[in-house]
Amino acid sequence: MRSVRCLVAVAGLFLLLVGSGLPAADNSPPAGFESLFNGKDFTGWKLPAGDNGHWKVVNGVIDYDAKSESKDKDKSLWSEKSYKDFTLLVDWRLKLEPAFKNKNVPVILPDGTHLKDASGKEVKIEIDDIDSGIYLRGQPKSQVNLWMWPIGSGEVYGYRMDAKQPAEVRAGVTPKKRMDKPRGEWNTFEITMKGDRLTVKLNGEEVITNAQLPGIPPEGPLALQHHGSWNEKTNSWNGPPSLVQFKNIYIKELK
């Protein structure tokens, strides 16, 4: 009788936890999504040749120290598979290691242009800076940024900074609000690509809405971006490093 009561109690506790809205276990895809990271190794991903362990998996998390030893120009981590239209879910966080002091960060306005002073010179501020991103359809230009700039993560730098693009395109890829959590805490992207249109949610809030990315290929792989380089002579960073971690990478291909 006692064992039956125990089973009933365990079953009741399980139902309580399921109904409480608690998050699922890490690296377990939600219904309709496929996992792109198994929490154990880089199955399904292409490590840069000669990386020498700087991209690694630690405790179920993709961890990068931005010091890849690869001789390749691109040291990013690429998916083996290519994708057309999709919704991508990614958890990411910026690590608490010493970053790069960036003295040349512009103040980005809602239309994607930079604030200027009375003389017409761009206003620059200094911040601690970490920089990475997610490449869409094989293109560094179509990169959804994650970084420490005041405008917030989610912008598409390659299109915003392209002066040849129409004003509405540059404004469209500029975040409507900053939704980043404090450095060291986990953030969640929901990135949807349909044709040449991009929508990005950061921590549940839409920061990019149906932005056009003219000329983006119809299909291509994804990448987790390498950024910055380490100077052995000065023992310092030459630019904002991608001191970043990723987990819970899921994709749903859209028909």
C-alpha atoms as a PDB file:
ATOM      1  CA  MET A   1       0.000   0.000   0.000  1.00  0.00           C
ATOM      2  CA  ARG A   2       2.838   2.311   0.902  1.00  0.00           C
ATOM      3  CA  SER A   3       4.515   1.717  -2.468  1.00  0.00           C
ATOM      4  CA  VAL A   4       1.293   2.610  -4.274  1.00  0.00           C
ATOM      5  CA  ARG A   5       1.076   5.850  -2.311  1.00  0.00           C
ATOM      6  CA  CYS A   6       4.671   6.658  -3.213  1.00  0.00           C
ATOM      7  CA  LEU A   7       3.956   6.092  -6.915  1.00  0.00           C
ATOM      8  CA  VAL A   8       0.906   8.325  -6.720  1.00  0.00           C
ATOM      9  CA  ALA A   9       2.948  11.020  -4.980  1.00  0.00           C
ATOM     10  CA  VAL A  10       5.729  10.855  -7.585  1.00  0.00           C
ATOM     11  CA  ALA A  11       3.202  10.993 -10.413  1.00  0.00           C
ATOM     12  CA  GLY A  12       1.519  13.985  -8.806  1.00  0.00           C
ATOM     13  CA  LEU A  13       4.851  15.779  -8.424  1.00  0.00           C
ATOM     14  CA  PHE A  14       5.659  15.113 -12.089  1.00  0.00           C
ATOM     15  CA  LEU A  15       2.349  16.564 -13.225  1.00  0.00           C
ATOM     16  CA  LEU A  16       2.871  19.571 -10.993  1.00  0.00           C
ATOM     17  CA  LEU A  17       6.292  20.266 -12.497  1.00  0.00           C
ATOM     18  CA  VAL A  18       5.040  19.800 -16.055  1.00  0.00           C
ATOM     19  CA  GLY A  19       2.148  22.141 -15.456  1.00  0.00           C
ATOM     20  CA  SER A  20       4.254  24.770 -13.739  1.00  0.00           C
ATOM     21  CA  GLY A  21       5.826  26.052 -16.954  1.00  0.00           C
ATOM     22  CA  LEU A  22       9.365  25.225 -15.817  1.00  0.00           C
ATOM     23  CA  PRO A  23      11.883  25.260 -18.687  1.00  0.00           C
ATOM     24  CA  ALA A  24      12.744  22.012 -20.430  1.00  0.00           C
ATOM     25  CA  ALA A  25      16.141  20.411 -19.950  1.00  0.00           C
ATOM     26  CA  ASP A  26      18.981  22.022 -21.875  1.00  0.00           C
ATOM     27  CA  ASN A  27      19.490  20.887 -25.453  1.00  0.00           C
ATOM     28  CA  SER A  28      16.054  19.231 -25.612  1.00  0.00           C
ATOM     29  CA  PRO A  29      14.159  20.711 -28.593  1.00  0.00           C
ATOM     30  CA  PRO A  30      10.598  21.981 -28.229  1.00  0.00           C
ATOM     31  CA  ALA A  31       7.849  20.392 -30.317  1.00  0.00           C
ATOM     32  CA  GLY A  32       8.348  20.931 -34.042  1.00  0.00           C
ATOM     33  CA  PHE A  33      12.030  21.874 -33.711  1.00  0.00           C
ATOM     34  CA  GLU A  34      15.203  19.939 -34.449  1.00  0.00           C
ATOM     35  CA  SER A  35      18.282  20.235 -32.242  1.00  0.00           C
ATOM     36  CA  LEU A  36      21.445  21.566 -33.920  1.00  0.00           C
ATOM     37  CA  PHE A  37      23.644  20.946 -30.864  1.00  0.00           C
ATOM     38  CA  ASN A  38      23.577  17.729 -28.843  1.00  0.00           C
ATOM     39  CA  GLY A  39      25.266  19.172 -25.760  1.00  0.00           C
ATOM     40  CA  LYS A  40      28.196  16.757 -26.080  1.00  0.00           C
ATOM     41  CA  ASP A  41      30.229  17.455 -29.208  1.00  0.00           C
ATOM     42  CA  PHE A  42      30.265  19.262 -32.569  1.00  0.00           C
ATOM     43  CA  THR A  43      28.277  16.716 -34.527  1.00  0.00           C
ATOM     44  CA  GLY A  44      26.615  18.647 -37.373  1.00  0.00           C
ATOM     45  CA  TRP A  45      29.148  21.483 -37.244  1.00  0.00           C
ATOM     46  CA  LYS A  46      32.399  22.281 -39.062  1.00  0.00           C
ATOM     47  CA  LEU A  47      35.276  23.352 -36.837  1.00  0.00           C
ATOM     48  CA  PRO A  48      37.810  25.697 -38.478  1.00  0.00           C
ATOM     49  CA  ALA A  49      40.890  23.716 -39.540  1.00  0.00           C
ATOM     50  CA  GLY A  50      43.648  23.952 -36.942  1.00  0.00           C
ATOM     51  CA  ASP A  51      41.418  25.552 -34.315  1.00  0.00           C
ATOM     52  CA  ASN A  52      43.249  23.547 -31.634  1.00  0.00           C
ATOM     53  CA  GLY A  53      40.444  23.371 -29.079  1.00  0.00           C
ATOM     54  CA  HIS A  54      39.407  27.005 -28.743  1.00  0.00           C
ATOM     55  CA  TRP A  55      35.906  26.140 -29.872  1.00  0.00           C
ATOM     56  CA  LYS A  56      34.931  23.524 -27.291  1.00  0.00           C
ATOM     57  CA  VAL A  57      32.001  21.963 -25.467  1.00  0.00           C
ATOM     58  CA  VAL A  58      31.991  22.468 -21.700  1.00  0.00           C
ATOM     59  CA  ASN A  59      29.196  21.157 -19.468  1.00  0.00           C
ATOM     60  CA  GLY A  60      26.661  21.043 -22.284  1.00  0.00           C
ATOM     61  CA  VAL A  61      27.578  24.488 -23.616  1.00  0.00           C
ATOM     62  CA  ILE A  62      29.495  25.627 -26.717  1.00  0.00           C
ATOM     63  CA  ASP A  63      32.297  27.770 -25.310  1.00  0.00           C
ATOM     64  CA  TYR A  64      34.628  30.002 -27.296  1.00  0.00           C
ATOM     65  CA  ASP A  65      37.652  31.986 -26.118  1.00  0.00           C
ATOM     66  CA  ALA A  66      38.171  33.905 -29.418  1.00  0.00           C
ATOM     67  CA  LYS A  67      41.747  32.597 -29.753  1.00  0.00           C
ATOM     68  CA  SER A  68      41.337  30.053 -32.552  1.00  0.00           C
ATOM     69  CA  GLU A  69      44.697  29.043 -34.025  1.00  0.00           C
ATOM     70  CA  SER A  70      43.202  28.304 -37.426  1.00  0.00           C
ATOM     71  CA  LYS A  71      45.003  29.866 -40.377  1.00  0.00           C
ATOM     72  CA  ASP A  72      41.666  30.240 -42.166  1.00  0.00           C
ATOM     73  CA  LYS A  73      40.455  33.772 -42.743  1.00  0.00           C
ATOM     74  CA  ASP A  74      37.102  32.758 -41.285  1.00  0.00           C
ATOM     75  CA  LYS A  75      37.380  31.086 -37.883  1.00  0.00           C
ATOM     76  CA  SER A  76      33.636  30.839 -37.285  1.00  0.00           C
ATOM     77  CA  LEU A  77      31.790  27.626 -36.440  1.00  0.00           C
ATOM     78  CA  TRP A  78      29.612  26.604 -39.414  1.00  0.00           C
ATOM     79  CA  SER A  79      26.671  24.229 -39.619  1.00  0.00           C
ATOM     80  CA  GLU A  80      27.130  21.318 -42.022  1.00  0.00           C
ATOM     81  CA  LYS A  81      23.587  21.676 -43.321  1.00  0.00           C
ATOM     82  CA  SER A  82      22.136  24.562 -45.320  1.00  0.00           C
ATOM     83  CA  TYR A  83      18.717  26.088 -44.685  1.00  0.00           C
ATOM     84  CA  LYS A  84      16.113  28.049 -46.632  1.00  0.00           C
ATOM     85  CA  ASP A  85      13.231  29.471 -44.581  1.00  0.00           C
ATOM     86  CA  PHE A  86      13.363  28.704 -40.879  1.00  0.00           C
ATOM     87  CA  THR A  87      12.843  29.742 -37.286  1.00  0.00           C
ATOM     88  CA  LEU A  88      15.995  29.444 -35.188  1.00  0.00           C
ATOM     89  CA  LEU A  89      16.119  29.431 -31.390  1.00  0.00           C
ATOM     90  CA  VAL A  90      19.480  30.092 -29.696  1.00  0.00           C
ATOM     91  CA  ASP A  91      20.481  30.736 -26.092  1.00  0.00           C
ATOM     92  CA  TRP A  92      23.664  32.784 -25.731  1.00  0.00           C
ATOM     93  CA  ARG A  93      25.611  34.762 -23.172  1.00  0.00           C
ATOM     94  CA  LEU A  94      28.666  36.992 -23.052  1.00  0.00           C
ATOM     95  CA  LYS A  95      31.343  35.735 -20.689  1.00  0.00           C
ATOM     96  CA  LEU A  96      32.674  37.751 -17.753  1.00  0.00           C
ATOM     97  CA  GLU A  97      36.331  37.536 -18.794  1.00  0.00           C
ATOM     98  CA  PRO A  98      38.207  40.835 -19.365  1.00  0.00           C
ATOM     99  CA  ALA A  99      36.964  42.318 -22.635  1.00  0.00           C
ATOM    100  CA  PHE A 100      38.165  44.960 -25.077  1.00  0.00           C
ATOM    101  CA  LYS A 101      37.975  48.681 -24.260  1.00  0.00           C
ATOM    102  CA  ASN A 102      36.332  50.066 -27.360  1.00  0.00           C
ATOM    103  CA  LYS A 103      36.693  53.850 -27.602  1.00  0.00           C
ATOM    104  CA  ASN A 104      35.005  54.176 -30.993  1.00  0.00           C
ATOM    105  CA  VAL A 105      31.420  53.039 -30.466  1.00  0.00           C
ATOM    106  CA  PRO A 106      28.922  55.277 -32.298  1.00  0.00           C
ATOM    107  CA  VAL A 107      25.540  56.274 -30.957  1.00  0.00           C
ATOM    108  CA  ILE A 108      23.095  54.591 -33.342  1.00  0.00           C
ATOM    109  CA  LEU A 109      19.847  56.391 -34.106  1.00  0.00           C
ATOM    110  CA  PRO A 110      16.506  54.650 -34.845  1.00  0.00           C
ATOM    111  CA  ASP A 111      16.997  55.069 -38.595  1.00  0.00           C
ATOM    112  CA  GLY A 112      20.352  53.258 -38.407  1.00  0.00           C
ATOM    113  CA  THR A 113      22.517  56.340 -38.876  1.00  0.00           C
ATOM    114  CA  HIS A 114      24.991  57.659 -36.297  1.00  0.00           C
ATOM    115  CA  LEU A 115      24.581  60.648 -34.000  1.00  0.00           C
ATOM    116  CA  LYS A 116      26.739  63.644 -34.938  1.00  0.00           C
ATOM    117  CA  ASP A 117      27.724  66.730 -32.984  1.00  0.00           C
ATOM    118  CA  ALA A 118      27.186  70.353 -34.064  1.00  0.00           C
ATOM    119  CA  SER A 119      30.284  70.228 -36.262  1.00  0.00           C
ATOM    120  CA  GLY A 120      29.061  67.144 -38.097  1.00  0.00           C
ATOM    121  CA  LYS A 121      31.497  64.775 -36.399  1.00  0.00           C
ATOM    122  CA  GLU A 122      30.259  61.398 -35.198  1.00  0.00           C
ATOM    123  CA  VAL A 123      29.790  61.128 -31.444  1.00  0.00           C
ATOM    124  CA  LYS A 124      31.799  58.210 -30.003  1.00  0.00           C
ATOM    125  CA  ILE A 125      31.607  56.557 -26.597  1.00  0.00           C
ATOM    126  CA  GLU A 126      33.853  54.083 -24.784  1.00  0.00           C
ATOM    127  CA  ILE A 127      32.522  50.736 -23.551  1.00  0.00           C
ATOM    128  CA  ASP A 128      33.694  47.272 -22.579  1.00  0.00           C
ATOM    129  CA  ASP A 129      33.043  45.350 -25.780  1.00  0.00           C
ATOM    130  CA  ILE A 130      32.440  41.727 -26.747  1.00  0.00           C
ATOM    131  CA  ASP A 131      31.281  40.931 -30.270  1.00  0.00           C
ATOM    132  CA  SER A 132      29.827  37.856 -31.942  1.00  0.00           C
ATOM    133  CA  GLY A 133      26.832  36.982 -34.047  1.00  0.00           C
ATOM    134  CA  ILE A 134      24.906  34.419 -36.043  1.00  0.00           C
ATOM    135  CA  TYR A 135      25.422  34.278 -39.814  1.00  0.00           C
ATOM    136  CA  LEU A 136      22.301  33.476 -41.835  1.00  0.00           C
ATOM    137  CA  ARG A 137      22.305  31.560 -45.142  1.00  0.00           C
ATOM    138  CA  GLY A 138      26.077  31.461 -45.410  1.00  0.00           C
ATOM    139  CA  GLN A 139      26.576  35.233 -45.399  1.00  0.00           C
ATOM    140  CA  PRO A 140      28.631  37.313 -42.923  1.00  0.00           C
ATOM    141  CA  LYS A 141      26.683  40.340 -44.205  1.00  0.00           C
ATOM    142  CA  SER A 142      23.406  38.816 -42.977  1.00  0.00           C
ATOM    143  CA  GLN A 143      24.691  38.542 -39.415  1.00  0.00           C
ATOM    144  CA  VAL A 144      22.408  38.950 -36.420  1.00  0.00           C
ATOM    145  CA  ASN A 145      24.747  40.642 -33.958  1.00  0.00           C
ATOM    146  CA  LEU A 146      25.243  39.897 -30.288  1.00  0.00           C
ATOM    147  CA  TRP A 147      27.416  42.420 -28.505  1.00  0.00           C
ATOM    148  CA  MET A 148      27.565  45.163 -25.863  1.00  0.00           C
ATOM    149  CA  TRP A 149      26.684  48.250 -27.917  1.00  0.00           C
ATOM    150  CA  PRO A 150      23.913  50.413 -26.405  1.00  0.00           C
ATOM    151  CA  ILE A 151      21.648  49.850 -29.433  1.00  0.00           C
ATOM    152  CA  GLY A 152      21.305  46.240 -28.290  1.00  0.00           C
ATOM    153  CA  SER A 153      21.794  42.856 -29.893  1.00  0.00           C
ATOM    154  CA  GLY A 154      19.816  41.666 -32.887  1.00  0.00           C
ATOM    155  CA  GLU A 155      20.843  44.259 -35.456  1.00  0.00           C
ATOM    156  CA  VAL A 156      22.213  43.324 -38.884  1.00  0.00           C
ATOM    157  CA  TYR A 157      25.415  45.360 -39.101  1.00  0.00           C
ATOM    158  CA  GLY A 158      26.272  44.432 -42.684  1.00  0.00           C
ATOM    159  CA  TYR A 159      23.024  45.873 -44.012  1.00  0.00           C
ATOM    160  CA  ARG A 160      22.740  48.813 -41.607  1.00  0.00           C
ATOM    161  CA  MET A 161      26.205  50.055 -42.566  1.00  0.00           C
ATOM    162  CA  ASP A 162      25.729  49.543 -46.308  1.00  0.00           C
ATOM    163  CA  ALA A 163      25.202  53.078 -47.637  1.00  0.00           C
ATOM    164  CA  LYS A 164      23.953  51.625 -50.932  1.00  0.00           C
ATOM    165  CA  GLN A 165      20.883  50.192 -49.211  1.00  0.00           C
ATOM    166  CA  PRO A 166      17.629  52.196 -49.125  1.00  0.00           C
ATOM    167  CA  ALA A 167      16.924  54.118 -45.923  1.00  0.00           C
ATOM    168  CA  GLU A 168      14.033  51.808 -45.050  1.00  0.00           C
ATOM    169  CA  VAL A 169      16.304  48.753 -45.224  1.00  0.00           C
ATOM    170  CA  ARG A 170      18.911  50.306 -42.910  1.00  0.00           C
ATOM    171  CA  ALA A 171      16.231  51.419 -40.459  1.00  0.00           C
ATOM    172  CA  GLY A 172      14.560  48.003 -40.602  1.00  0.00           C
ATOM    173  CA  VAL A 173      17.653  46.118 -39.428  1.00  0.00           C
ATOM    174  CA  THR A 174      18.195  48.513 -36.495  1.00  0.00           C
ATOM    175  CA  PRO A 175      16.825  47.213 -33.153  1.00  0.00           C
ATOM    176  CA  LYS A 176      13.679  48.965 -31.937  1.00  0.00           C
ATOM    177  CA  LYS A 177      14.737  48.459 -28.325  1.00  0.00           C
ATOM    178  CA  ARG A 178      17.578  47.055 -26.262  1.00  0.00           C
ATOM    179  CA  MET A 179      16.494  43.760 -24.694  1.00  0.00           C
ATOM    180  CA  ASP A 180      19.877  42.332 -23.666  1.00  0.00           C
ATOM    181  CA  LYS A 181      20.229  40.904 -20.178  1.00  0.00           C
ATOM    182  CA  PRO A 182      23.286  41.879 -18.100  1.00  0.00           C
ATOM    183  CA  ARG A 183      26.571  40.393 -19.194  1.00  0.00           C
ATOM    184  CA  GLY A 184      26.996  36.870 -17.860  1.00  0.00           C
ATOM    185  CA  GLU A 185      23.275  36.052 -18.029  1.00  0.00           C
ATOM    186  CA  TRP A 186      21.631  33.880 -20.677  1.00  0.00           C
ATOM    187  CA  ASN A 187      19.717  35.521 -23.529  1.00  0.00           C
ATOM    188  CA  THR A 188      17.398  33.877 -26.080  1.00  0.00           C
ATOM    189  CA  PHE A 189      17.145  34.716 -29.777  1.00  0.00           C
ATOM    190  CA  GLU A 190      14.201  33.691 -31.933  1.00  0.00           C
ATOM    191  CA  ILE A 191      15.262  34.358 -35.518  1.00  0.00           C
ATOM    192  CA  THR A 192      12.852  33.832 -38.422  1.00  0.00           C
ATOM    193  CA  MET A 193      13.841  34.006 -42.094  1.00  0.00           C
ATOM    194  CA  LYS A 194      11.144  33.906 -44.784  1.00  0.00           C
ATOM    195  CA  GLY A 195      12.364  34.725 -48.269  1.00  0.00           C
ATOM    196  CA  ASP A 196      14.428  37.883 -47.829  1.00  0.00           C
ATOM    197  CA  ARG A 197      12.552  38.957 -44.682  1.00  0.00           C
ATOM    198  CA  LEU A 198      13.969  38.761 -41.172  1.00  0.00           C
ATOM    199  CA  THR A 199      12.258  38.978 -37.782  1.00  0.00           C
ATOM    200  CA  VAL A 200      14.233  38.776 -34.535  1.00  0.00           C
ATOM    201  CA  LYS A 201      12.945  38.382 -31.004  1.00  0.00           C
ATOM    202  CA  LEU A 202      15.337  38.855 -28.103  1.00  0.00           C
ATOM    203  CA  ASN A 203      14.212  37.558 -24.725  1.00  0.00           C
ATOM    204  CA  GLY A 204      10.621  37.461 -25.925  1.00  0.00           C
ATOM    205  CA  GLU A 205      10.479  40.981 -27.394  1.00  0.00           C
ATOM    206  CA  GLU A 206      10.506  41.729 -31.115  1.00  0.00           C
ATOM    207  CA  VAL A 207      13.504  43.940 -31.876  1.00  0.00           C
ATOM    208  CA  ILE A 208      13.547  43.460 -35.683  1.00  0.00           C
ATOM    209  CA  THR A 209      10.248  43.138 -37.549  1.00  0.00           C
ATOM    210  CA  ASN A 210       9.988  41.804 -41.115  1.00  0.00           C
ATOM    211  CA  ALA A 211      13.185  43.590 -42.167  1.00  0.00           C
ATOM    212  CA  GLN A 212      14.249  43.156 -45.778  1.00  0.00           C
ATOM    213  CA  LEU A 213      17.714  41.768 -46.573  1.00  0.00           C
ATOM    214  CA  PRO A 214      18.032  42.469 -50.311  1.00  0.00           C
ATOM    215  CA  GLY A 215      20.212  39.986 -52.157  1.00  0.00           C
ATOM    216  CA  ILE A 216      20.426  37.398 -49.386  1.00  0.00           C
ATOM    217  CA  PRO A 217      20.872  33.919 -50.911  1.00  0.00           C
ATOM    218  CA  PRO A 218      17.793  31.667 -50.864  1.00  0.00           C
ATOM    219  CA  GLU A 219      19.699  28.989 -48.956  1.00  0.00           C
ATOM    220  CA  GLY A 220      22.889  28.571 -46.928  1.00  0.00           C
ATOM    221  CA  PRO A 221      24.438  27.316 -43.684  1.00  0.00           C
ATOM    222  CA  LEU A 222      24.418  29.015 -40.301  1.00  0.00           C
ATOM    223  CA  ALA A 223      27.480  30.095 -38.350  1.00  0.00           C
ATOM    224  CA  LEU A 224      28.432  31.163 -34.851  1.00  0.00           C
ATOM    225  CA  GLN A 225      30.812  34.046 -35.427  1.00  0.00           C
ATOM    226  CA  HIS A 226      34.437  34.418 -34.467  1.00  0.00           C
ATOM    227  CA  HIS A 227      35.423  38.030 -33.869  1.00  0.00           C
ATOM    228  CA  GLY A 228      38.549  39.785 -32.615  1.00  0.00           C
ATOM    229  CA  SER A 229      42.140  38.599 -32.359  1.00  0.00           C
ATOM    230  CA  TRP A 230      44.649  38.120 -29.561  1.00  0.00           C
ATOM    231  CA  ASN A 231      48.011  39.893 -29.757  1.00  0.00           C
ATOM    232  CA  GLU A 232      50.652  37.695 -28.121  1.00  0.00           C
ATOM    233  CA  LYS A 233      53.228  40.504 -28.139  1.00  0.00           C
ATOM    234  CA  THR A 234      51.080  43.001 -26.239  1.00  0.00           C
ATOM    235  CA  ASN A 235      49.095  40.351 -24.366  1.00  0.00           C
ATOM    236  CA  SER A 236      45.892  42.125 -25.317  1.00  0.00           C
ATOM    237  CA  TRP A 237      42.967  42.068 -27.756  1.00  0.00           C
ATOM    238  CA  ASN A 238      43.241  43.822 -31.124  1.00  0.00           C
ATOM    239  CA  GLY A 239      39.465  44.207 -31.280  1.00  0.00           C
ATOM    240  CA  PRO A 240      36.259  43.171 -29.514  1.00  0.00           C
ATOM    241  CA  PRO A 241      36.583  39.390 -28.921  1.00  0.00           C
ATOM    242  CA  SER A 242      33.810  36.827 -29.207  1.00  0.00           C
ATOM    243  CA  LEU A 243      34.011  35.651 -25.584  1.00  0.00           C
ATOM    244  CA  VAL A 244      30.718  33.860 -25.863  1.00  0.00           C
ATOM    245  CA  GLN A 245      28.774  30.701 -25.049  1.00  0.00           C
ATOM    246  CA  PHE A 246      25.829  29.028 -26.816  1.00  0.00           C
ATOM    247  CA  LYS A 247      23.329  26.305 -25.950  1.00  0.00           C
ATOM    248  CA  ASN A 248      19.791  25.183 -26.835  1.00  0.00           C
ATOM    249  CA  ILE A 249      20.228  25.663 -30.593  1.00  0.00           C
ATOM    250  CA  TYR A 250      17.041  24.524 -32.324  1.00  0.00           C
ATOM    251  CA  ILE A 251      15.671  25.003 -35.825  1.00  0.00           C
ATOM    252  CA  LYS A 252      12.314  24.519 -37.506  1.00  0.00           C
ATOM    253  CA  GLU A 253      12.361  24.555 -41.287  1.00  0.00           C
ATOM    254  CA  LEU A 254       9.401  26.425 -42.761  1.00  0.00           C
ATOM    255  CA  LYS A 255       7.595  25.201 -45.863  1.00  0.00           C
END
